[in-house]
All heavy atoms as atom14 arrays in JSON, in Angstrom:
{
  "sequence": "QLVQSGGGLVQAGESLRLSCAASGSIFSISDMGWYRQA",
  "atom14_mask": [
    [1, 1, 1, 1, 1, 1, 1, 1, 1, 0, 0, 0, 0, 0],
    [1, 1, 1, 1, 1, 1, 1, 1, 0, 0, 0, 0, 0, 0],
    [1, 1, 1, 1, 1, 1, 1, 0, 0, 0, 0, 0, 0, 0],
    [1, 1, 1, 1, 1, 1, 1, 1, 1, 0, 0, 0, 0, 0],
    [1, 1, 1, 1, 1, 1, 0, 0, 0, 0, 0, 0, 0, 0],
    [1, 1, 1, 1, 0, 0, 0, 0, 0, 0, 0, 0, 0, 0],
    [1, 1, 1, 1, 0, 0, 0, 0, 0, 0, 0, 0, 0, 0],
    [1, 1, 1, 1, 0, 0, 0, 0, 0, 0, 0, 0, 0, 0],
    [1, 1, 1, 1, 1, 1, 1, 1, 0, 0, 0, 0, 0, 0],
    [1, 1, 1, 1, 1, 1, 1, 0, 0, 0, 0, 0, 0, 0],
    [1, 1, 1, 1, 1, 1, 1, 1, 1, 0, 0, 0, 0, 0],
    [1, 1, 1, 1, 1, 0, 0, 0, 0, 0, 0, 0, 0, 0],
    [1, 1, 1, 1, 0, 0, 0, 0, 0, 0, 0, 0, 0, 0],
    [1, 1, 1, 1, 1, 1, 1, 1, 1, 0, 0, 0, 0, 0],
    [1, 1, 1, 1, 1, 1, 0, 0, 0, 0, 0, 0, 0, 0],
    [1, 1, 1, 1, 1, 1, 1, 1, 0, 0, 0, 0, 0, 0],
    [1, 1, 1, 1, 1, 1, 1, 1, 1, 1, 1, 0, 0, 0],
    [1, 1, 1, 1, 1, 1, 1, 1, 0, 0, 0, 0, 0, 0],
    [1, 1, 1, 1, 1, 1, 0, 0, 0, 0, 0, 0, 0, 0],
    [1, 1, 1, 1, 1, 1, 0, 0, 0, 0, 0, 0, 0, 0],
    [1, 1, 1, 1, 1, 0, 0, 0, 0, 0, 0, 0, 0, 0],
    [1, 1, 1, 1, 1, 0, 0, 0, 0, 0, 0, 0, 0, 0],
    [1, 1, 1, 1, 1, 1, 0, 0, 0, 0, 0, 0, 0, 0],
    [1, 1, 1, 1, 0, 0, 0, 0, 0, 0, 0, 0, 0, 0],
    [1, 1, 1, 1, 1, 1, 0, 0, 0, 0, 0, 0, 0, 0],
    [1, 1, 1, 1, 1, 1, 1, 1, 0, 0, 0, 0, 0, 0],
    [1, 1, 1, 1, 1, 1, 1, 1, 1, 1, 1, 0, 0, 0],
    [1, 1, 1, 1, 1, 1, 0, 0, 0, 0, 0, 0, 0, 0],
    [1, 1, 1, 1, 1, 1, 1, 1, 0, 0, 0, 0, 0, 0],
    [1, 1, 1, 1, 1, 1, 0, 0, 0, 0, 0, 0, 0, 0],
    [1, 1, 1, 1, 1, 1, 1, 1, 0, 0, 0, 0, 0, 0],
    [1, 1, 1, 1, 1, 1, 1, 1, 0, 0, 0, 0, 0, 0],
    [1, 1, 1, 1, 0, 0, 0, 0, 0, 0, 0, 0, 0, 0],
    [1, 1, 1, 1, 1, 1, 1, 1, 1, 1, 1, 1, 1, 1],
    [1, 1, 1, 1, 1, 1, 1, 1, 1, 1, 1, 1, 0, 0],
    [1, 1, 1, 1, 1, 1, 1, 1, 1, 1, 1, 0, 0, 0],
    [1, 1, 1, 1, 1, 1, 1, 1, 1, 0, 0, 0, 0, 0],
    [1, 1, 1, 1, 1, 0, 0, 0, 0, 0, 0, 0, 0, 0]
  ],
  "atom14_positions": [
    [[10.63, 7.46, -1.58], [9.86, 6.92, -2.69], [9.04, 5.74, -2.16], [9.55, 4.89, -1.42], [10.76, 6.46, -3.82], [11.51, 7.58, -4.51], [12.72, 8.02, -3.72], [13.47, 7.21, -3.18], [12.93, 9.33, -3.64], [0.0, 0.0, 0.0], [0.0, 0.0, 0.0], [0.0, 0.0, 0.0], [0.0, 0.0, 0.0], [0.0, 0.0, 0.0]],
    [[7.78, 5.7, -2.56], [6.87, 4.62, -2.17], [6.38, 3.92, -3.43], [5.83, 4.57, -4.31], [5.69, 5.18, -1.38], [6.01, 5.93, -0.09], [4.74, 6.5, 0.53], [6.72, 5.03, 0.91], [0.0, 0.0, 0.0], [0.0, 0.0, 0.0], [0.0, 0.0, 0.0], [0.0, 0.0, 0.0], [0.0, 0.0, 0.0], [0.0, 0.0, 0.0]],
    [[6.56, 2.62, -3.49], [6.12, 1.84, -4.63], [5.12, 0.81, -4.16], [5.45, -0.06, -3.34], [7.31, 1.16, -5.34], [6.8, 0.29, -6.49], [8.29, 2.2, -5.84], [0.0, 0.0, 0.0], [0.0, 0.0, 0.0], [0.0, 0.0, 0.0], [0.0, 0.0, 0.0], [0.0, 0.0, 0.0], [0.0, 0.0, 0.0], [0.0, 0.0, 0.0]],
    [[3.92, 0.89, -4.7], [2.84, 0.0, -4.3], [2.74, -1.19, -5.23], [3.09, -1.13, -6.4], [1.5, 0.76, -4.34], [1.42, 1.93, -3.41], [0.09, 2.64, -3.53], [0.02, 3.86, -3.39], [-0.99, 1.9, -3.76], [0.0, 0.0, 0.0], [0.0, 0.0, 0.0], [0.0, 0.0, 0.0], [0.0, 0.0, 0.0], [0.0, 0.0, 0.0]],
    [[2.21, -2.28, -4.7], [1.89, -3.45, -5.51], [0.67, -4.12, -4.91], [0.33, -3.9, -3.74], [3.07, -4.43, -5.57], [3.43, -4.85, -4.27], [0.0, 0.0, 0.0], [0.0, 0.0, 0.0], [0.0, 0.0, 0.0], [0.0, 0.0, 0.0], [0.0, 0.0, 0.0], [0.0, 0.0, 0.0], [0.0, 0.0, 0.0], [0.0, 0.0, 0.0]],
    [[0.04, -4.95, -5.72], [-1.19, -5.61, -5.3], [-2.38, -4.91, -5.9], [-2.25, -4.06, -6.77], [0.0, 0.0, 0.0], [0.0, 0.0, 0.0], [0.0, 0.0, 0.0], [0.0, 0.0, 0.0], [0.0, 0.0, 0.0], [0.0, 0.0, 0.0], [0.0, 0.0, 0.0], [0.0, 0.0, 0.0], [0.0, 0.0, 0.0], [0.0, 0.0, 0.0]],
    [[-3.55, -5.24, -5.42], [-4.78, -4.66, -5.94], [-5.32, -5.49, -7.09], [-4.78, -6.53, -7.46], [0.0, 0.0, 0.0], [0.0, 0.0, 0.0], [0.0, 0.0, 0.0], [0.0, 0.0, 0.0], [0.0, 0.0, 0.0], [0.0, 0.0, 0.0], [0.0, 0.0, 0.0], [0.0, 0.0, 0.0], [0.0, 0.0, 0.0], [0.0, 0.0, 0.0]],
    [[-6.43, -5.02, -7.66], [-7.04, -5.71, -8.78], [-8.54, -5.84, -8.6], [-9.16, -5.11, -7.84], [0.0, 0.0, 0.0], [0.0, 0.0, 0.0], [0.0, 0.0, 0.0], [0.0, 0.0, 0.0], [0.0, 0.0, 0.0], [0.0, 0.0, 0.0], [0.0, 0.0, 0.0], [0.0, 0.0, 0.0], [0.0, 0.0, 0.0], [0.0, 0.0, 0.0]],
    [[-9.09, -6.81, -9.33], [-10.53, -7.04, -9.34], [-10.85, -8.35, -8.64], [-10.26, -9.39, -8.99], [-11.02, -7.08, -10.79], [-12.48, -7.51, -11.02], [-13.44, -6.51, -10.38], [-12.75, -7.67, -12.51], [0.0, 0.0, 0.0], [0.0, 0.0, 0.0], [0.0, 0.0, 0.0], [0.0, 0.0, 0.0], [0.0, 0.0, 0.0], [0.0, 0.0, 0.0]],
    [[-11.72, -8.29, -7.65], [-12.15, -9.49, -6.94], [-13.65, -9.44, -6.75], [-14.29, -8.4, -6.95], [-11.47, -9.63, -5.56], [-9.97, -9.79, -5.7], [-11.81, -8.43, -4.67], [0.0, 0.0, 0.0], [0.0, 0.0, 0.0], [0.0, 0.0, 0.0], [0.0, 0.0, 0.0], [0.0, 0.0, 0.0], [0.0, 0.0, 0.0], [0.0, 0.0, 0.0]],
    [[-14.2, -10.57, -6.32], [-15.62, -10.62, -5.99], [-15.82, -10.35, -4.5], [-14.89, -10.52, -3.7], [-16.18, -11.99, -6.36], [-16.2, -12.24, -7.86], [-16.93, -13.52, -8.23], [-17.02, -14.44, -7.42], [-17.45, -13.58, -9.44], [0.0, 0.0, 0.0], [0.0, 0.0, 0.0], [0.0, 0.0, 0.0], [0.0, 0.0, 0.0], [0.0, 0.0, 0.0]],
    [[-17.01, -9.94, -4.18], [-17.34, -9.7, -2.77], [-17.05, -10.94, -1.94], [-17.35, -12.06, -2.37], [-18.8, -9.3, -2.64], [0.0, 0.0, 0.0], [0.0, 0.0, 0.0], [0.0, 0.0, 0.0], [0.0, 0.0, 0.0], [0.0, 0.0, 0.0], [0.0, 0.0, 0.0], [0.0, 0.0, 0.0], [0.0, 0.0, 0.0], [0.0, 0.0, 0.0]],
    [[-16.45, -10.71, -0.77], [-16.11, -11.79, 0.13], [-14.69, -12.3, -0.03], [-14.2, -13.03, 0.84], [0.0, 0.0, 0.0], [0.0, 0.0, 0.0], [0.0, 0.0, 0.0], [0.0, 0.0, 0.0], [0.0, 0.0, 0.0], [0.0, 0.0, 0.0], [0.0, 0.0, 0.0], [0.0, 0.0, 0.0], [0.0, 0.0, 0.0], [0.0, 0.0, 0.0]],
    [[-14.05, -11.94, -1.1], [-12.68, -12.39, -1.33], [-11.66, -11.47, -0.65], [-12.04, -10.5, 0.01], [-12.41, -12.49, -2.83], [-13.26, -13.56, -3.5], [-12.93, -13.74, -4.98], [-12.35, -12.81, -5.58], [-13.25, -14.81, -5.52], [0.0, 0.0, 0.0], [0.0, 0.0, 0.0], [0.0, 0.0, 0.0], [0.0, 0.0, 0.0], [0.0, 0.0, 0.0]],
    [[-10.4, -11.81, -0.81], [-9.33, -11.09, -0.12], [-8.31, -10.55, -1.11], [-8.14, -11.09, -2.21], [-8.63, -12.0, 0.87], [-9.53, -12.48, 1.86], [0.0, 0.0, 0.0], [0.0, 0.0, 0.0], [0.0, 0.0, 0.0], [0.0, 0.0, 0.0], [0.0, 0.0, 0.0], [0.0, 0.0, 0.0], [0.0, 0.0, 0.0], [0.0, 0.0, 0.0]],
    [[-7.61, -9.52, -0.69], [-6.49, -8.96, -1.44], [-5.46, -8.46, -0.43], [-5.81, -8.11, 0.7], [-6.92, -7.78, -2.3], [-7.58, -8.04, -3.65], [-8.02, -6.7, -4.26], [-6.62, -8.74, -4.6], [0.0, 0.0, 0.0], [0.0, 0.0, 0.0], [0.0, 0.0, 0.0], [0.0, 0.0, 0.0], [0.0, 0.0, 0.0], [0.0, 0.0, 0.0]],
    [[-4.21, -8.41, -0.87], [-3.17, -7.81, -0.05], [-2.44, -6.76, -0.86], [-1.99, -7.02, -1.99], [-2.18, -8.85, 0.47], [-1.23, -8.25, 1.5], [-0.32, -9.28, 2.15], [0.87, -9.53, 1.34], [2.03, -9.95, 1.86], [2.14, -10.15, 3.15], [3.05, -10.18, 1.06], [0.0, 0.0, 0.0], [0.0, 0.0, 0.0], [0.0, 0.0, 0.0]],
    [[-2.31, -5.59, -0.27], [-1.54, -4.49, -0.85], [-0.19, -4.39, -0.13], [-0.11, -4.62, 1.08], [-2.29, -3.17, -0.72], [-3.71, -3.1, -1.27], [-4.29, -1.7, -1.07], [-3.75, -3.5, -2.73], [0.0, 0.0, 0.0], [0.0, 0.0, 0.0], [0.0, 0.0, 0.0], [0.0, 0.0, 0.0], [0.0, 0.0, 0.0], [0.0, 0.0, 0.0]],
    [[0.82, -4.04, -0.91], [2.15, -3.83, -0.35], [2.65, -2.46, -0.76], [2.29, -1.94, -1.83], [3.13, -4.89, -0.84], [2.71, -6.18, -0.47], [0.0, 0.0, 0.0], [0.0, 0.0, 0.0], [0.0, 0.0, 0.0], [0.0, 0.0, 0.0], [0.0, 0.0, 0.0], [0.0, 0.0, 0.0], [0.0, 0.0, 0.0], [0.0, 0.0, 0.0]],
    [[3.49, -1.89, 0.06], [4.08, -0.58, -0.23], [5.51, -0.58, 0.3], [5.7, -0.67, 1.52], [3.26, 0.52, 0.41], [3.97, 2.17, 0.28], [0.0, 0.0, 0.0], [0.0, 0.0, 0.0], [0.0, 0.0, 0.0], [0.0, 0.0, 0.0], [0.0, 0.0, 0.0], [0.0, 0.0, 0.0], [0.0, 0.0, 0.0], [0.0, 0.0, 0.0]],
    [[6.46, -0.49, -0.61], [7.87, -0.51, -0.23], [8.44, 0.89, -0.28], [8.28, 1.59, -1.28], [8.65, -1.43, -1.16], [0.0, 0.0, 0.0], [0.0, 0.0, 0.0], [0.0, 0.0, 0.0], [0.0, 0.0, 0.0], [0.0, 0.0, 0.0], [0.0, 0.0, 0.0], [0.0, 0.0, 0.0], [0.0, 0.0, 0.0], [0.0, 0.0, 0.0]],
    [[9.1, 1.28, 0.78], [9.71, 2.6, 0.89], [11.2, 2.53, 0.62], [11.86, 1.56, 1.0], [9.46, 3.18, 2.27], [0.0, 0.0, 0.0], [0.0, 0.0, 0.0], [0.0, 0.0, 0.0], [0.0, 0.0, 0.0], [0.0, 0.0, 0.0], [0.0, 0.0, 0.0], [0.0, 0.0, 0.0], [0.0, 0.0, 0.0], [0.0, 0.0, 0.0]],
    [[11.72, 3.55, -0.03], [13.16, 3.66, -0.26], [13.55, 5.13, -0.17], [12.69, 6.02, -0.16], [13.53, 3.08, -1.62], [12.9, 3.8, -2.66], [0.0, 0.0, 0.0], [0.0, 0.0, 0.0], [0.0, 0.0, 0.0], [0.0, 0.0, 0.0], [0.0, 0.0, 0.0], [0.0, 0.0, 0.0], [0.0, 0.0, 0.0], [0.0, 0.0, 0.0]],
    [[14.83, 5.36, -0.11], [15.33, 6.73, 0.01], [15.6, 7.08, 1.47], [16.19, 6.29, 2.2], [0.0, 0.0, 0.0], [0.0, 0.0, 0.0], [0.0, 0.0, 0.0], [0.0, 0.0, 0.0], [0.0, 0.0, 0.0], [0.0, 0.0, 0.0], [0.0, 0.0, 0.0], [0.0, 0.0, 0.0], [0.0, 0.0, 0.0], [0.0, 0.0, 0.0]],
    [[15.17, 8.24, 1.9], [15.44, 8.73, 3.26], [14.47, 8.12, 4.26], [13.71, 8.83, 4.94], [15.36, 10.25, 3.29], [16.27, 10.83, 2.37], [0.0, 0.0, 0.0], [0.0, 0.0, 0.0], [0.0, 0.0, 0.0], [0.0, 0.0, 0.0], [0.0, 0.0, 0.0], [0.0, 0.0, 0.0], [0.0, 0.0, 0.0], [0.0, 0.0, 0.0]],
    [[14.53, 6.81, 4.38], [13.55, 6.1, 5.19], [13.73, 6.38, 6.67], [12.8, 6.16, 7.46], [13.62, 4.6, 4.91], [15.02, 4.06, 5.15], [13.12, 4.28, 3.52], [15.16, 2.57, 4.99], [0.0, 0.0, 0.0], [0.0, 0.0, 0.0], [0.0, 0.0, 0.0], [0.0, 0.0, 0.0], [0.0, 0.0, 0.0], [0.0, 0.0, 0.0]],
    [[14.9, 6.86, 7.09], [15.13, 7.17, 8.49], [14.18, 8.26, 8.98], [13.94, 8.4, 10.18], [16.58, 7.62, 8.71], [16.94, 8.85, 7.94], [16.72, 10.13, 8.49], [17.46, 8.76, 6.67], [17.04, 11.26, 7.78], [17.78, 9.9, 5.95], [17.57, 11.15, 6.52], [0.0, 0.0, 0.0], [0.0, 0.0, 0.0], [0.0, 0.0, 0.0]],
    [[13.64, 9.05, 8.04], [12.78, 10.17, 8.41], [11.31, 9.76, 8.59], [10.49, 10.57, 9.01], [12.86, 11.26, 7.33], [12.3, 10.81, 6.12], [0.0, 0.0, 0.0], [0.0, 0.0, 0.0], [0.0, 0.0, 0.0], [0.0, 0.0, 0.0], [0.0, 0.0, 0.0], [0.0, 0.0, 0.0], [0.0, 0.0, 0.0], [0.0, 0.0, 0.0]],
    [[10.99, 8.5, 8.26], [9.6, 8.05, 8.29], [9.17, 7.66, 9.69], [9.89, 6.95, 10.4], [9.41, 6.86, 7.34], [9.64, 7.3, 5.9], [8.0, 6.28, 7.5], [9.6, 6.13, 4.93], [0.0, 0.0, 0.0], [0.0, 0.0, 0.0], [0.0, 0.0, 0.0], [0.0, 0.0, 0.0], [0.0, 0.0, 0.0], [0.0, 0.0, 0.0]],
    [[7.98, 8.1, 10.08], [7.39, 7.62, 11.32], [6.16, 6.77, 10.98], [6.27, 5.61, 10.7], [7.04, 8.79, 12.25], [6.17, 9.7, 11.6], [0.0, 0.0, 0.0], [0.0, 0.0, 0.0], [0.0, 0.0, 0.0], [0.0, 0.0, 0.0], [0.0, 0.0, 0.0], [0.0, 0.0, 0.0], [0.0, 0.0, 0.0], [0.0, 0.0, 0.0]],
    [[5.0, 7.37, 10.92], [3.79, 6.63, 10.61], [3.73, 6.26, 9.13], [4.24, 6.98, 8.27], [2.54, 7.45, 10.94], [2.46, 7.83, 12.4], [3.31, 7.36, 13.19], [1.55, 8.6, 12.75], [0.0, 0.0, 0.0], [0.0, 0.0, 0.0], [0.0, 0.0, 0.0], [0.0, 0.0, 0.0], [0.0, 0.0, 0.0], [0.0, 0.0, 0.0]],
    [[3.1, 5.14, 8.86], [2.76, 4.74, 7.49], [1.32, 4.26, 7.46], [0.73, 3.97, 8.52], [3.69, 3.65, 6.98], [5.14, 4.06, 6.89], [6.2, 2.79, 6.14], [5.71, 2.91, 4.41], [0.0, 0.0, 0.0], [0.0, 0.0, 0.0], [0.0, 0.0, 0.0], [0.0, 0.0, 0.0], [0.0, 0.0, 0.0], [0.0, 0.0, 0.0]],
    [[0.78, 4.18, 6.27], [-0.6, 3.7, 6.21], [-1.18, 3.75, 4.82], [-0.45, 3.89, 3.84], [0.0, 0.0, 0.0], [0.0, 0.0, 0.0], [0.0, 0.0, 0.0], [0.0, 0.0, 0.0], [0.0, 0.0, 0.0], [0.0, 0.0, 0.0], [0.0, 0.0, 0.0], [0.0, 0.0, 0.0], [0.0, 0.0, 0.0], [0.0, 0.0, 0.0]],
    [[-2.5, 3.62, 4.8], [-3.23, 3.57, 3.55], [-4.45, 4.48, 3.59], [-5.24, 4.43, 4.55], [-3.7, 2.13, 3.28], [-2.59, 1.16, 3.12], [-1.95, 0.46, 4.11], [-1.94, 0.82, 1.9], [-0.94, -0.31, 3.57], [-0.92, -0.11, 2.22], [-2.12, 1.18, 0.57], [-0.1, -0.68, 1.23], [-1.3, 0.62, -0.39], [-0.31, -0.3, -0.06]],
    [[-4.56, 5.29, 2.57], [-5.76, 6.06, 2.32], [-6.47, 5.45, 1.11], [-5.86, 4.73, 0.33], [-5.43, 7.52, 2.02], [-5.24, 8.39, 3.23], [-4.12, 8.25, 4.03], [-6.18, 9.36, 3.56], [-3.95, 9.05, 5.15], [-6.02, 10.17, 4.68], [-4.89, 10.02, 5.47], [-4.72, 10.82, 6.57], [0.0, 0.0, 0.0], [0.0, 0.0, 0.0]],
    [[-7.74, 5.77, 0.97], [-8.46, 5.32, -0.21], [-9.42, 6.4, -0.68], [-9.9, 7.2, 0.12], [-9.19, 4.02, 0.06], [-10.28, 4.09, 1.12], [-10.87, 2.71, 1.35], [-12.0, 2.74, 2.27], [-12.73, 1.67, 2.59], [-12.44, 0.48, 2.07], [-13.74, 1.78, 3.44], [0.0, 0.0, 0.0], [0.0, 0.0, 0.0], [0.0, 0.0, 0.0]],
    [[-9.66, 6.37, -1.99], [-10.54, 7.37, -2.59], [-11.46, 6.68, -3.58], [-11.0, 6.15, -4.6], [-9.74, 8.48, -3.27], [-10.6, 9.61, -3.79], [-9.78, 10.81, -4.18], [-8.57, 10.74, -4.4], [-10.42, 11.96, -4.27], [0.0, 0.0, 0.0], [0.0, 0.0, 0.0], [0.0, 0.0, 0.0], [0.0, 0.0, 0.0], [0.0, 0.0, 0.0]],
    [[-12.74, 6.69, -3.26], [-13.75, 6.13, -4.16], [-14.2, 7.22, -5.13], [-14.05, 8.41, -4.85], [-14.93, 5.61, -3.35], [0.0, 0.0, 0.0], [0.0, 0.0, 0.0], [0.0, 0.0, 0.0], [0.0, 0.0, 0.0], [0.0, 0.0, 0.0], [0.0, 0.0, 0.0], [0.0, 0.0, 0.0], [0.0, 0.0, 0.0], [0.0, 0.0, 0.0]]
  ]
}
């Protein structure tokens, strides 16, 4: 299970941090990352 937090509305030039916490069978995980869809 992956639970994300962060995001929102900002102005150009500003910063944000996204987090993603994994739980469950985490021993099976290798790569992690972020995709995006506009």
